[in-house]
N, C-alpha and C. Protein backbone atom coordinates (compact mmCIF):
# COMPACT_ATOMS: atom_id res chain seq x y z
N MET A 1 13.89 6.38 30.47
CA MET A 1 14.20 5.72 29.22
C MET A 1 13.55 6.48 28.07
N THR A 2 14.30 6.75 27.04
CA THR A 2 13.75 7.45 25.88
C THR A 2 13.41 6.46 24.80
N THR A 3 12.39 6.77 24.06
CA THR A 3 12.03 5.92 22.93
C THR A 3 12.31 6.68 21.65
N LEU A 4 12.85 6.00 20.70
CA LEU A 4 13.11 6.62 19.41
C LEU A 4 11.89 6.45 18.53
N GLN A 5 11.48 7.54 17.94
CA GLN A 5 10.34 7.47 17.02
C GLN A 5 10.86 7.19 15.63
N LYS A 6 10.16 6.33 14.96
CA LYS A 6 10.50 6.00 13.59
C LYS A 6 10.17 7.20 12.70
N PRO A 7 11.08 7.62 11.84
CA PRO A 7 10.75 8.74 10.94
C PRO A 7 9.63 8.33 9.98
N ALA A 8 8.81 9.29 9.63
CA ALA A 8 7.71 9.01 8.71
C ALA A 8 8.27 8.61 7.35
N LYS A 9 7.66 7.57 6.78
CA LYS A 9 8.10 7.14 5.45
C LYS A 9 7.78 8.21 4.42
N ALA A 10 8.72 8.43 3.53
CA ALA A 10 8.51 9.42 2.48
C ALA A 10 7.52 8.90 1.44
N LEU A 11 7.64 7.62 1.09
CA LEU A 11 6.73 7.03 0.10
C LEU A 11 5.87 5.97 0.77
N LEU A 12 4.59 6.06 0.52
CA LEU A 12 3.62 5.12 1.10
C LEU A 12 3.15 4.14 0.03
N THR A 13 2.84 2.93 0.45
CA THR A 13 2.21 1.97 -0.46
C THR A 13 0.76 2.39 -0.64
N ARG A 14 0.11 1.76 -1.59
CA ARG A 14 -1.32 2.06 -1.80
C ARG A 14 -2.11 1.73 -0.54
N ARG A 15 -1.76 0.63 0.11
CA ARG A 15 -2.48 0.23 1.33
C ARG A 15 -2.28 1.27 2.43
N GLU A 16 -1.05 1.77 2.60
CA GLU A 16 -0.78 2.76 3.64
C GLU A 16 -1.48 4.08 3.34
N ALA A 17 -1.48 4.49 2.08
CA ALA A 17 -2.16 5.73 1.70
C ALA A 17 -3.66 5.59 1.92
N ALA A 18 -4.21 4.44 1.56
CA ALA A 18 -5.64 4.20 1.74
C ALA A 18 -6.01 4.26 3.22
N GLU A 19 -5.16 3.69 4.06
CA GLU A 19 -5.41 3.71 5.50
C GLU A 19 -5.42 5.15 6.02
N LEU A 20 -4.48 5.94 5.54
CA LEU A 20 -4.40 7.35 5.95
C LEU A 20 -5.66 8.12 5.52
N LEU A 21 -6.20 7.77 4.34
CA LEU A 21 -7.39 8.44 3.81
C LEU A 21 -8.70 7.84 4.32
N GLY A 22 -8.64 6.65 4.89
CA GLY A 22 -9.85 6.00 5.36
C GLY A 22 -10.68 5.38 4.25
N VAL A 23 -10.00 4.94 3.17
CA VAL A 23 -10.68 4.28 2.06
C VAL A 23 -9.98 2.94 1.79
N LEU A 24 -10.58 2.13 0.95
CA LEU A 24 -9.96 0.87 0.57
C LEU A 24 -8.89 1.10 -0.48
N PRO A 25 -7.86 0.25 -0.51
CA PRO A 25 -6.85 0.36 -1.57
C PRO A 25 -7.47 0.29 -2.97
N ALA A 26 -8.52 -0.50 -3.13
CA ALA A 26 -9.20 -0.59 -4.43
C ALA A 26 -9.79 0.75 -4.84
N THR A 27 -10.23 1.53 -3.87
CA THR A 27 -10.77 2.87 -4.17
C THR A 27 -9.68 3.74 -4.76
N LEU A 28 -8.47 3.68 -4.18
CA LEU A 28 -7.36 4.45 -4.73
C LEU A 28 -7.02 4.00 -6.14
N ALA A 29 -7.12 2.70 -6.40
CA ALA A 29 -6.85 2.18 -7.75
C ALA A 29 -7.85 2.74 -8.75
N VAL A 30 -9.12 2.78 -8.36
CA VAL A 30 -10.16 3.33 -9.24
C VAL A 30 -9.92 4.82 -9.45
N TRP A 31 -9.63 5.54 -8.36
CA TRP A 31 -9.37 6.97 -8.48
C TRP A 31 -8.22 7.24 -9.44
N SER A 32 -7.15 6.47 -9.33
CA SER A 32 -5.99 6.71 -10.20
C SER A 32 -6.35 6.42 -11.66
N HIS A 33 -7.19 5.41 -11.88
CA HIS A 33 -7.63 5.10 -13.25
C HIS A 33 -8.38 6.29 -13.86
N TYR A 34 -9.20 6.95 -13.06
CA TYR A 34 -9.99 8.09 -13.54
C TYR A 34 -9.31 9.43 -13.29
N LYS A 35 -8.01 9.40 -12.97
CA LYS A 35 -7.22 10.62 -12.75
C LYS A 35 -7.79 11.48 -11.61
N ARG A 36 -8.21 10.82 -10.54
CA ARG A 36 -8.70 11.50 -9.35
C ARG A 36 -7.83 11.10 -8.18
N GLY A 37 -8.07 11.65 -7.04
CA GLY A 37 -7.32 11.26 -5.85
C GLY A 37 -5.96 11.92 -5.79
N PRO A 38 -5.16 11.50 -4.82
CA PRO A 38 -3.84 12.11 -4.64
C PRO A 38 -2.88 11.73 -5.77
N VAL A 39 -1.90 12.58 -6.00
CA VAL A 39 -0.86 12.32 -6.99
C VAL A 39 -0.13 11.05 -6.57
N TYR A 40 0.22 10.21 -7.54
CA TYR A 40 0.97 9.00 -7.23
C TYR A 40 2.17 8.88 -8.16
N HIS A 41 3.07 8.00 -7.79
CA HIS A 41 4.30 7.78 -8.55
C HIS A 41 4.43 6.30 -8.85
N LYS A 42 4.89 5.99 -10.04
CA LYS A 42 5.16 4.60 -10.40
C LYS A 42 6.63 4.33 -10.10
N VAL A 43 6.90 3.32 -9.33
CA VAL A 43 8.25 2.87 -9.03
C VAL A 43 8.32 1.44 -9.54
N GLY A 44 8.86 1.29 -10.74
CA GLY A 44 8.78 -0.02 -11.38
C GLY A 44 7.33 -0.32 -11.68
N ARG A 45 6.85 -1.44 -11.17
CA ARG A 45 5.44 -1.80 -11.35
C ARG A 45 4.59 -1.39 -10.15
N SER A 46 5.22 -0.82 -9.15
CA SER A 46 4.52 -0.45 -7.92
C SER A 46 4.02 0.99 -7.97
N VAL A 47 2.95 1.24 -7.26
CA VAL A 47 2.41 2.59 -7.11
C VAL A 47 2.76 3.06 -5.71
N ARG A 48 3.30 4.27 -5.63
CA ARG A 48 3.67 4.85 -4.34
C ARG A 48 3.12 6.27 -4.25
N TYR A 49 2.85 6.67 -3.03
CA TYR A 49 2.30 8.01 -2.76
C TYR A 49 3.23 8.73 -1.80
N LYS A 50 3.55 9.98 -2.09
CA LYS A 50 4.28 10.79 -1.13
C LYS A 50 3.32 11.18 -0.02
N ARG A 51 3.77 11.06 1.19
CA ARG A 51 2.92 11.42 2.34
C ARG A 51 2.42 12.86 2.19
N SER A 52 3.30 13.76 1.72
CA SER A 52 2.92 15.17 1.57
C SER A 52 1.82 15.33 0.52
N ASP A 53 1.82 14.50 -0.53
CA ASP A 53 0.77 14.57 -1.56
C ASP A 53 -0.57 14.09 -1.00
N VAL A 54 -0.53 13.04 -0.18
CA VAL A 54 -1.76 12.54 0.44
C VAL A 54 -2.31 13.59 1.41
N GLU A 55 -1.43 14.20 2.19
CA GLU A 55 -1.87 15.23 3.13
C GLU A 55 -2.42 16.46 2.39
N SER A 56 -1.82 16.82 1.26
CA SER A 56 -2.33 17.94 0.45
C SER A 56 -3.71 17.61 -0.10
N PHE A 57 -3.89 16.37 -0.55
CA PHE A 57 -5.19 15.94 -1.07
C PHE A 57 -6.26 16.05 0.02
N ILE A 58 -5.90 15.66 1.22
CA ILE A 58 -6.85 15.78 2.34
C ILE A 58 -7.19 17.24 2.59
N GLU A 59 -6.17 18.09 2.60
CA GLU A 59 -6.38 19.52 2.86
C GLU A 59 -7.22 20.18 1.77
N GLN A 60 -7.07 19.75 0.52
CA GLN A 60 -7.84 20.32 -0.58
C GLN A 60 -9.33 20.03 -0.44
N GLY A 61 -9.66 18.96 0.26
CA GLY A 61 -11.06 18.60 0.46
C GLY A 61 -11.67 19.29 1.66
N ARG A 62 -10.90 20.10 2.34
CA ARG A 62 -11.38 20.79 3.54
C ARG A 62 -12.40 21.86 3.16
N ILE A 63 -13.50 21.86 3.88
CA ILE A 63 -14.55 22.85 3.67
C ILE A 63 -14.74 23.60 4.98
N ALA A 64 -14.53 24.90 4.93
CA ALA A 64 -14.65 25.71 6.14
C ALA A 64 -16.11 25.99 6.44
N THR A 65 -16.47 25.86 7.71
CA THR A 65 -17.81 26.23 8.13
C THR A 65 -17.82 27.72 8.44
N ARG A 66 -18.97 28.27 8.67
CA ARG A 66 -19.07 29.69 8.96
C ARG A 66 -18.21 30.10 10.15
N GLU A 67 -18.20 29.25 11.19
CA GLU A 67 -17.43 29.57 12.38
C GLU A 67 -15.94 29.58 12.10
N GLN A 68 -15.48 28.85 11.11
CA GLN A 68 -14.05 28.75 10.81
C GLN A 68 -13.59 29.78 9.82
N GLN A 69 -14.47 30.49 9.16
CA GLN A 69 -14.07 31.43 8.12
C GLN A 69 -13.46 32.67 8.67
């Protein structure tokens, strides 16, 4: 029996993005107020994050150790 995998959502809610980053949704709200954190989009009154933007934000915070350089 094969299982179908759900395609990854293109736009994440603040809660979903926060879960991916390991922070509280309120932290993302504060970051957006101070123009920090991942790029976000306003859809009506809602805030949405592209999964690729969240992943890029994570990658930008990567610090290579000596062994990884």
